[in-house]
Amino acid sequence: MMKKIKIRTKAKEKKGIVKAKLLIKHPMESGMRKDKEGKLIPIHHLKEVTVVYKDETVFAGEFGTGVSKDPFISFAFKGTKGDKFTVDANDSKGLVGHTEVTIK
């Protein structure tokens, strides 16, 4: 079974504005660090994160090696309580993550 990128989410609506928070579990290796034996740890980082609400992209980000481990992303968009949006992520090793979030 292929490993997947884990995405934890929270989304709350207030006065028509949804505040979304994402925590993406990922090692975000730059390819510059060394392990205990002194060998370089291979590059492994997030490439893209996309959030879609009602067939419209409300957040899109391209990531590189300069982002820290387990990135936290926070953003806001116009939305309605009870609606759903999706979060998709992919990385440099071909791993993917997908989650569907219900707005509270």
Protein backbone atom coordinates (compact mmCIF):
# COMPACT_ATOMS: atom_id res chain seq x y z
CA MET A 1 0.00 0.00 0.00
CA MET A 2 1.35 3.41 -0.97
CA LYS A 3 1.92 5.94 1.79
CA LYS A 4 -0.30 8.99 1.66
CA ILE A 5 0.21 12.55 2.77
CA LYS A 6 -1.80 13.19 5.96
CA ILE A 7 -3.78 16.42 6.03
CA ARG A 8 -5.52 17.65 9.20
CA THR A 9 -8.12 20.37 8.70
CA LYS A 10 -10.46 22.76 10.47
CA ALA A 11 -12.91 25.14 8.85
CA LYS A 12 -15.37 27.50 10.55
CA GLU A 13 -17.77 29.95 8.96
CA LYS A 14 -18.65 33.30 10.52
CA LYS A 15 -20.66 36.00 8.73
CA GLY A 16 -20.15 34.32 5.36
CA ILE A 17 -16.35 34.00 5.69
CA VAL A 18 -14.76 30.58 6.14
CA LYS A 19 -11.47 30.45 8.03
CA ALA A 20 -9.64 27.29 7.06
CA LYS A 21 -6.57 25.78 8.72
CA LEU A 22 -4.49 22.94 7.30
CA LEU A 23 -1.71 20.98 8.98
CA ILE A 24 0.12 18.79 6.50
CA LYS A 25 2.27 16.02 8.00
CA HIS A 26 5.38 15.93 5.82
CA PRO A 27 9.16 15.67 6.44
CA MET A 28 10.01 18.45 3.94
CA GLU A 29 13.60 17.27 3.37
CA SER A 30 15.73 19.74 1.40
CA GLY A 31 18.36 17.23 0.28
CA MET A 32 21.01 19.21 2.20
CA ARG A 33 20.79 17.58 5.64
CA LYS A 34 22.86 14.56 6.62
CA ASP A 35 21.85 11.48 8.61
CA LYS A 36 23.81 10.01 11.56
CA GLU A 37 26.26 8.27 9.18
CA GLY A 38 26.98 11.53 7.35
CA LYS A 39 25.06 10.61 4.18
CA LEU A 40 22.77 13.16 2.56
CA ILE A 41 19.06 12.60 3.21
CA PRO A 42 17.32 12.53 -0.20
CA ILE A 43 15.15 15.46 -1.23
CA HIS A 44 11.47 14.97 -0.33
CA HIS A 45 9.14 17.97 -0.21
CA LEU A 46 5.59 19.07 -0.97
CA LYS A 47 5.12 20.35 -4.49
CA GLU A 48 1.51 21.54 -4.62
CA VAL A 49 -1.50 22.05 -2.38
CA THR A 50 -4.87 22.93 -3.92
CA VAL A 51 -8.18 23.69 -2.21
CA VAL A 52 -11.41 23.60 -4.24
CA TYR A 53 -14.81 24.88 -3.06
CA LYS A 54 -17.86 24.65 -5.36
CA ASP A 55 -15.67 23.91 -8.43
CA GLU A 56 -13.55 27.02 -7.78
CA THR A 57 -9.96 27.01 -6.56
CA VAL A 58 -9.85 29.07 -3.36
CA PHE A 59 -6.22 28.30 -2.48
CA ALA A 60 -3.30 27.03 -4.54
CA GLY A 61 0.28 26.88 -3.39
CA GLU A 62 3.54 25.64 -4.88
CA PHE A 63 6.09 24.54 -2.30
CA GLY A 64 9.81 23.92 -2.35
CA THR A 65 12.63 22.93 -0.06
CA GLY A 66 12.54 26.19 1.92
CA VAL A 67 9.34 25.26 3.80
CA SER A 68 9.65 23.72 7.26
CA LYS A 69 8.55 20.24 8.34
CA ASP A 70 4.77 19.76 8.82
CA PRO A 71 3.65 23.03 7.19
CA PHE A 72 0.66 24.91 8.63
CA ILE A 73 -1.49 26.85 6.18
CA SER A 74 -4.28 29.27 7.10
CA PHE A 75 -6.52 31.16 4.67
CA ALA A 76 -10.07 32.51 4.32
CA PHE A 77 -12.73 32.47 1.61
CA LYS A 78 -16.45 33.18 1.18
CA GLY A 79 -18.51 30.11 2.02
CA THR A 80 -21.47 28.60 3.82
CA LYS A 81 -21.73 26.43 6.93
CA GLY A 82 -22.46 22.78 6.05
CA ASP A 83 -20.87 22.98 2.59
CA LYS A 84 -17.78 20.93 1.73
CA PHE A 85 -14.45 21.63 0.10
CA THR A 86 -11.56 19.39 -0.94
CA VAL A 87 -7.84 19.58 -0.25
CA ASP A 88 -5.33 17.85 -2.53
CA ALA A 89 -1.55 17.68 -2.07
CA ASN A 90 1.32 16.02 -3.93
CA ASP A 91 5.04 15.78 -3.31
CA SER A 92 8.37 15.22 -5.01
CA LYS A 93 8.20 11.42 -4.57
CA GLY A 94 4.75 11.08 -6.14
CA LEU A 95 2.85 10.70 -2.87
CA VAL A 96 -0.59 12.29 -2.73
CA GLY A 97 -3.05 13.39 -0.08
CA HIS A 98 -6.77 14.12 -0.39
CA THR A 99 -9.39 15.09 2.14
CA GLU A 100 -12.92 16.44 2.06
CA VAL A 101 -13.86 18.98 4.73
CA THR A 102 -17.29 20.00 6.00
CA ILE A 103 -17.49 23.64 7.04
CA LYS A 104 -18.70 24.11 10.63
